[in-house]
Amino acid sequence: MSALFGTFVGHFQIPDSPGNTPSFIVNGVSEFDSAKIDETQLEQNHFAVLFYRKATPEYGVQVAAYARYSSLAFRPDPLPDLLFNGIAQRVDRSSIATGLQADARYALTPSHTLRGGLLFGADRTSVQATSSVLPAADGVQTSEQPFDVIDNTGKTGFTYSVYRPGRVAAPALGDAQRGPPARRV
């Protein structure tokens, strides 16, 4: 039996773009130093695999179960994002995947072995996004008051299969398979 674990957590500061001029007005504010924008992102990935294997000359079995969790969280700097882009979007994404894979073999006779296996996996992904936006019509800002647009979605997917590999022997090359004899000129 074996186990494998891993993890990663990363905190990122999004780089600024100094020297930019705001394109919009938000609640009476029309100026901001673009070198002082403070946006961050947090990424996390964690996984675990548990593995069992047993083999004898007559039979063999191996089973592996796994789980993975990943997330991403983006945090905007709302006022400058609205001033420069007309939108400030906070996003949280996450995904959790679990699964099981099993393989087995059994020697029916000294020259015949039965093999097979199965795989099952499930993955759930979700996104929560809140976007603060400025009202506009025909590309022109119509109000200084931002409003929120909320979009929460999720999807679940499954993967599954059952398999039994077969063995195909290549035929021996005979005269009929070699092609026509070479011609002498």
Protein backbone atom coordinates (compact mmCIF):
# COMPACT_ATOMS: atom_id res chain seq x y z
CA MET A 1 0.00 0.00 0.00
CA SER A 2 1.24 3.47 -0.84
CA ALA A 3 0.01 7.00 -0.35
CA LEU A 4 1.00 10.18 -2.12
CA PHE A 5 0.05 13.71 -1.05
CA GLY A 6 0.82 17.13 -2.45
CA THR A 7 -0.16 20.73 -1.89
CA PHE A 8 0.51 24.18 -3.31
CA VAL A 9 -0.68 27.55 -2.05
CA GLY A 10 0.33 30.67 -3.95
CA HIS A 11 -0.43 34.30 -3.04
CA PHE A 12 0.13 36.68 -5.96
CA GLN A 13 0.16 40.45 -6.19
CA ILE A 14 -1.03 41.52 -9.64
CA PRO A 15 1.49 43.98 -11.20
CA ASP A 16 0.45 47.60 -11.63
CA SER A 17 0.48 49.60 -14.87
CA PRO A 18 1.86 53.04 -13.98
CA GLY A 19 1.09 56.06 -16.15
CA ASN A 20 -2.47 55.16 -17.19
CA THR A 21 -5.29 57.70 -17.22
CA PRO A 22 -8.80 56.78 -16.01
CA SER A 23 -11.43 56.40 -18.73
CA PHE A 24 -14.50 56.62 -16.47
CA ILE A 25 -15.95 58.58 -13.53
CA VAL A 26 -17.11 56.70 -10.41
CA ASN A 27 -19.17 58.45 -7.72
CA GLY A 28 -17.58 61.81 -8.62
CA VAL A 29 -14.00 60.43 -8.68
CA SER A 30 -12.13 60.82 -11.97
CA GLU A 31 -8.43 60.62 -10.97
CA PHE A 32 -6.31 57.76 -9.59
CA ASP A 33 -2.61 56.89 -9.64
CA SER A 34 -2.48 53.62 -11.62
CA ALA A 35 0.79 52.67 -9.85
CA LYS A 36 -1.20 52.20 -6.61
CA ILE A 37 -3.73 49.59 -7.79
CA ASP A 38 -3.87 46.67 -5.32
CA GLU A 39 -5.15 43.44 -6.88
CA THR A 40 -4.38 39.95 -5.58
CA GLN A 41 -4.91 36.34 -6.50
CA LEU A 42 -4.80 33.21 -4.32
CA GLU A 43 -4.32 29.79 -5.91
CA GLN A 44 -4.52 26.47 -4.07
CA ASN A 45 -4.06 22.89 -5.24
CA HIS A 46 -4.19 19.84 -2.98
CA PHE A 47 -4.20 16.17 -3.97
CA ALA A 48 -4.01 12.69 -2.48
CA VAL A 49 -3.62 9.24 -4.04
CA LEU A 50 -4.01 5.98 -2.13
CA PHE A 51 -2.67 2.92 -3.96
CA TYR A 52 -2.86 -0.82 -3.21
CA ARG A 53 -1.17 -3.60 -5.17
CA LYS A 54 -0.98 -7.37 -4.69
CA ALA A 55 0.55 -9.80 -7.19
CA THR A 56 1.22 -13.53 -7.28
CA PRO A 57 1.98 -15.76 -10.29
CA GLU A 58 -1.75 -16.70 -10.44
CA TYR A 59 -3.37 -13.29 -9.99
CA GLY A 60 -2.73 -9.61 -9.52
CA VAL A 61 -4.81 -6.65 -8.46
CA GLN A 62 -4.14 -2.94 -8.10
CA VAL A 63 -6.52 -0.25 -6.93
CA ALA A 64 -5.95 3.49 -6.75
CA ALA A 65 -8.27 6.11 -5.27
CA TYR A 66 -7.58 9.81 -5.75
CA ALA A 67 -8.91 13.22 -4.77
CA ARG A 68 -7.92 16.72 -5.90
CA TYR A 69 -9.09 20.15 -4.79
CA SER A 70 -8.14 23.33 -6.64
CA SER A 71 -9.26 26.91 -6.13
CA LEU A 72 -8.54 30.36 -7.46
CA ALA A 73 -9.66 33.61 -5.83
CA PHE A 74 -9.14 36.93 -7.63
CA ARG A 75 -9.64 40.12 -5.62
CA PRO A 76 -9.90 43.36 -7.61
CA ASP A 77 -9.21 46.87 -6.38
CA PRO A 78 -12.79 48.06 -7.05
CA LEU A 79 -12.45 51.83 -7.46
CA PRO A 80 -9.45 51.88 -9.81
CA ASP A 81 -10.75 48.90 -11.80
CA LEU A 82 -13.99 50.78 -12.41
CA LEU A 83 -12.11 54.01 -13.23
CA PHE A 84 -9.76 52.37 -15.76
CA ASN A 85 -11.84 49.47 -17.12
CA GLY A 86 -15.49 50.18 -16.26
CA ILE A 87 -15.67 46.80 -14.46
CA ALA A 88 -14.32 45.35 -11.21
CA GLN A 89 -14.78 41.60 -11.02
CA ARG A 90 -14.32 39.40 -7.96
CA VAL A 91 -13.99 35.74 -8.99
CA ASP A 92 -13.89 32.52 -6.98
CA ARG A 93 -13.37 29.25 -8.87
CA SER A 94 -13.09 25.81 -7.35
CA SER A 95 -12.88 22.25 -8.54
CA ILE A 96 -12.96 18.96 -6.69
CA ALA A 97 -12.24 15.69 -8.45
CA THR A 98 -12.40 12.18 -7.04
CA GLY A 99 -11.99 8.81 -8.64
CA LEU A 100 -11.14 5.16 -8.47
CA GLN A 101 -9.21 2.95 -10.88
CA ALA A 102 -8.85 -0.82 -10.53
CA ASP A 103 -6.99 -3.37 -12.65
CA ALA A 104 -6.86 -7.14 -12.22
CA ARG A 105 -5.45 -10.22 -13.89
CA TYR A 106 -6.05 -13.93 -13.37
CA ALA A 107 -4.14 -16.79 -14.99
CA LEU A 108 -6.79 -19.17 -16.39
CA THR A 109 -4.16 -21.54 -17.78
CA PRO A 110 -0.39 -21.28 -18.22
CA SER A 111 -0.95 -19.72 -21.66
CA HIS A 112 -4.19 -17.74 -21.08
CA THR A 113 -4.58 -14.78 -18.72
CA LEU A 114 -7.78 -12.85 -18.15
CA ARG A 115 -7.26 -9.10 -17.59
CA GLY A 116 -9.61 -6.22 -16.98
CA GLY A 117 -10.31 -3.09 -15.05
CA LEU A 118 -12.52 -0.13 -14.42
CA LEU A 119 -12.27 3.60 -14.01
CA PHE A 120 -14.70 6.00 -12.40
CA GLY A 121 -14.19 9.71 -11.80
CA ALA A 122 -16.30 12.69 -10.81
CA ASP A 123 -15.39 16.37 -11.12
CA ARG A 124 -17.38 19.30 -9.72
CA THR A 125 -16.41 22.80 -10.85
CA SER A 126 -18.04 25.99 -9.62
CA VAL A 127 -17.58 29.69 -10.33
CA GLN A 128 -18.89 32.62 -8.33
CA ALA A 129 -18.34 36.00 -9.97
CA THR A 130 -19.54 39.40 -8.80
CA SER A 131 -18.93 42.13 -11.35
CA SER A 132 -19.35 45.78 -10.43
CA VAL A 133 -20.01 47.62 -13.69
CA LEU A 134 -20.77 51.14 -14.83
CA PRO A 135 -23.98 51.72 -16.81
CA ALA A 136 -23.36 52.50 -20.47
CA ALA A 137 -25.33 52.81 -23.69
CA ASP A 138 -23.76 52.72 -27.15
CA GLY A 139 -20.28 52.76 -25.56
CA VAL A 140 -20.96 55.92 -23.52
CA GLN A 141 -21.06 55.96 -19.70
CA THR A 142 -24.60 56.90 -18.58
CA SER A 143 -24.13 56.99 -14.79
CA GLU A 144 -21.35 57.31 -12.20
CA GLN A 145 -23.07 54.78 -9.91
CA PRO A 146 -21.85 51.18 -10.46
CA PHE A 147 -24.18 48.21 -10.04
CA ASP A 148 -23.42 44.51 -9.42
CA VAL A 149 -23.97 41.60 -11.79
CA ILE A 150 -23.79 38.22 -10.05
CA ASP A 151 -23.05 34.99 -11.92
CA ASN A 152 -22.84 31.74 -9.97
CA THR A 153 -22.52 28.57 -12.01
CA GLY A 154 -21.39 25.01 -11.52
CA LYS A 155 -20.99 21.83 -13.51
CA THR A 156 -20.49 18.21 -12.55
CA GLY A 157 -18.90 15.73 -14.92
CA PHE A 158 -18.36 11.98 -14.72
CA THR A 159 -15.87 9.70 -16.43
CA TYR A 160 -16.30 5.96 -16.38
CA SER A 161 -15.12 2.94 -18.30
CA VAL A 162 -14.75 -0.80 -18.05
CA TYR A 163 -12.10 -2.48 -20.11
CA ARG A 164 -10.72 -5.88 -20.94
CA PRO A 165 -7.60 -5.72 -23.09
CA GLY A 166 -7.05 -8.30 -25.76
CA ARG A 167 -3.92 -9.59 -27.38
CA VAL A 168 -3.54 -9.84 -31.14
CA ALA A 169 -0.63 -11.82 -32.53
CA ALA A 170 0.99 -10.49 -35.69
CA PRO A 171 1.01 -13.03 -38.52
CA ALA A 172 4.35 -14.42 -39.63
CA LEU A 173 5.62 -12.92 -42.86
CA GLY A 174 5.22 -15.46 -45.63
CA ASP A 175 5.95 -15.19 -49.34
CA ALA A 176 2.44 -13.87 -50.04
CA GLN A 177 2.96 -11.02 -47.56
CA ARG A 178 6.40 -9.98 -48.81
CA GLY A 179 5.11 -8.60 -52.07
CA PRO A 180 6.27 -9.27 -55.62
CA PRO A 181 9.90 -10.25 -56.21
CA ALA A 182 12.32 -7.51 -57.17
CA ARG A 183 12.87 -7.09 -60.95
CA ARG A 184 16.33 -7.15 -62.43
CA VAL A 185 17.09 -4.61 -65.09
